[in-house]
Amino acid sequence: MEDCIFCKIIKDEIPSEKVYEDDEILAFKDIKPSAPIHILVIPKKHISTLMEVNDENMYLMEKIMKAIQKIAKKQGVDKTGFRLIANCGPDSGQEVMHIHFHLLAGKKMGPKIIA
């Protein structure tokens, strides 16, 4: 999708502070962090919401989960823990219609589930 901000970040049209990248996955620091560590993990292929995940692109979810494990280890939060959030659709608070996972860590978090 041409006007998607995450697609522009993937194309390096908008700068980001990358923390992980491979052929199909990109992770970068959130510009308005909700925690000391706040990283967005996205597929490079544009998929608007989790409801668009299908048999053809399901493999990307596995790749994202493996990337999240690598990022957690690199950030030093694999043992202490982190929160992973995926919003789906406007009512959930999804602001960018490109699947993304928020990895939040670096502080003890309470039961609040909204990033």
Protein backbone atom coordinates (compact mmCIF):
# COMPACT_ATOMS: atom_id res chain seq x y z
CA MET A 1 0.00 0.00 0.00
CA GLU A 2 1.57 3.24 -1.19
CA ASP A 3 0.61 5.61 1.60
CA CYS A 4 1.23 3.22 4.49
CA ILE A 5 3.80 4.74 6.85
CA PHE A 6 5.28 1.30 7.63
CA CYS A 7 5.67 0.54 3.91
CA LYS A 8 7.55 3.84 3.59
CA ILE A 9 9.79 2.85 6.52
CA ILE A 10 10.45 -0.52 4.82
CA LYS A 11 11.48 1.35 1.64
CA ASP A 12 13.72 3.71 3.70
CA GLU A 13 11.59 6.66 2.59
CA ILE A 14 11.09 7.47 6.28
CA PRO A 15 14.00 6.98 8.69
CA SER A 16 13.74 4.53 11.56
CA GLU A 17 16.02 3.12 14.23
CA LYS A 18 16.18 -0.49 13.11
CA VAL A 19 16.91 -3.21 15.66
CA TYR A 20 16.34 -6.26 13.42
CA GLU A 21 15.96 -6.90 9.72
CA ASP A 22 15.92 -9.87 7.39
CA ASP A 23 14.44 -10.45 3.93
CA GLU A 24 10.84 -10.46 5.18
CA ILE A 25 10.74 -8.91 8.67
CA LEU A 26 11.68 -5.48 10.01
CA ALA A 27 11.80 -4.30 13.62
CA PHE A 28 12.41 -0.73 14.72
CA LYS A 29 12.06 1.48 17.79
CA ASP A 30 8.70 3.17 18.28
CA ILE A 31 8.98 6.98 18.01
CA LYS A 32 6.52 7.42 20.91
CA PRO A 33 7.57 4.64 23.29
CA SER A 34 5.21 3.38 26.00
CA ALA A 35 8.08 1.61 27.82
CA PRO A 36 11.87 1.95 28.03
CA ILE A 37 12.04 -0.69 25.29
CA HIS A 38 9.29 -0.33 22.69
CA ILE A 39 9.94 -2.04 19.39
CA LEU A 40 7.57 -2.53 16.47
CA VAL A 41 7.93 -5.79 14.54
CA ILE A 42 6.37 -5.93 11.07
CA PRO A 43 6.34 -8.09 7.97
CA LYS A 44 7.76 -6.35 4.91
CA LYS A 45 4.80 -7.63 2.92
CA HIS A 46 1.81 -5.34 3.45
CA ILE A 47 -0.92 -7.13 5.37
CA SER A 48 -3.44 -4.71 6.88
CA THR A 49 -4.69 -6.66 9.90
CA LEU A 50 -4.47 -10.06 11.54
CA MET A 51 -7.76 -10.88 9.81
CA GLU A 52 -5.87 -10.89 6.49
CA VAL A 53 -3.46 -13.60 7.58
CA ASN A 54 -4.17 -16.66 5.42
CA ASP A 55 -2.58 -19.92 4.32
CA GLU A 56 -0.32 -18.11 1.82
CA ASN A 57 1.19 -15.66 4.32
CA MET A 58 0.87 -17.58 7.61
CA TYR A 59 4.59 -18.43 7.45
CA LEU A 60 5.29 -14.76 8.15
CA MET A 61 3.73 -15.09 11.60
CA GLU A 62 6.24 -17.83 12.44
CA LYS A 63 9.07 -15.66 11.13
CA ILE A 64 7.83 -12.72 13.23
CA MET A 65 7.71 -14.86 16.39
CA LYS A 66 11.26 -16.10 15.78
CA ALA A 67 12.41 -12.51 15.18
CA ILE A 68 10.75 -11.43 18.43
CA GLN A 69 12.69 -14.13 20.31
CA LYS A 70 15.96 -12.89 18.77
CA ILE A 71 15.12 -9.27 19.58
CA ALA A 72 14.19 -10.12 23.20
CA LYS A 73 17.55 -11.88 23.64
CA LYS A 74 19.45 -9.00 22.03
CA GLN A 75 17.63 -6.48 24.24
CA GLY A 76 18.36 -8.61 27.33
CA VAL A 77 14.71 -9.16 28.26
CA ASP A 78 14.33 -12.81 27.28
CA LYS A 79 14.66 -13.88 30.93
CA THR A 80 12.97 -10.94 32.70
CA GLY A 81 10.02 -10.78 30.32
CA PHE A 82 8.27 -8.52 27.89
CA ARG A 83 4.78 -7.70 26.72
CA LEU A 84 3.69 -8.39 23.15
CA ILE A 85 0.66 -6.55 21.77
CA ALA A 86 -1.07 -6.84 18.40
CA ASN A 87 -4.06 -4.62 17.79
CA CYS A 88 -6.51 -5.65 15.07
CA GLY A 89 -8.72 -3.03 13.46
CA PRO A 90 -9.81 0.50 14.36
CA ASP A 91 -11.79 -0.39 17.50
CA SER A 92 -8.70 -2.04 19.01
CA GLY A 93 -6.64 1.11 18.62
CA GLN A 94 -4.72 -0.04 15.53
CA GLU A 95 -3.53 3.28 14.09
CA VAL A 96 -1.44 1.97 11.18
CA MET A 97 -3.23 -0.55 9.00
CA HIS A 98 -0.18 -2.77 8.53
CA ILE A 99 0.16 -5.77 10.84
CA HIS A 100 2.57 -4.95 13.65
CA PHE A 101 3.51 -6.28 17.04
CA HIS A 102 4.56 -4.03 19.92
CA LEU A 103 7.34 -5.52 22.04
CA LEU A 104 7.34 -3.63 25.35
CA ALA A 105 9.92 -4.17 28.08
CA GLY A 106 12.48 -2.57 30.34
CA LYS A 107 10.24 -2.03 33.35
CA LYS A 108 7.89 -4.04 35.53
CA MET A 109 4.45 -3.79 34.00
CA GLY A 110 1.11 -4.09 35.70
CA PRO A 111 -2.10 -5.56 34.35
CA LYS A 112 -2.71 -2.67 31.92
CA ILE A 113 -3.07 -4.13 28.45
CA ILE A 114 -3.19 -0.97 26.34
CA ALA A 115 0.08 0.30 24.87
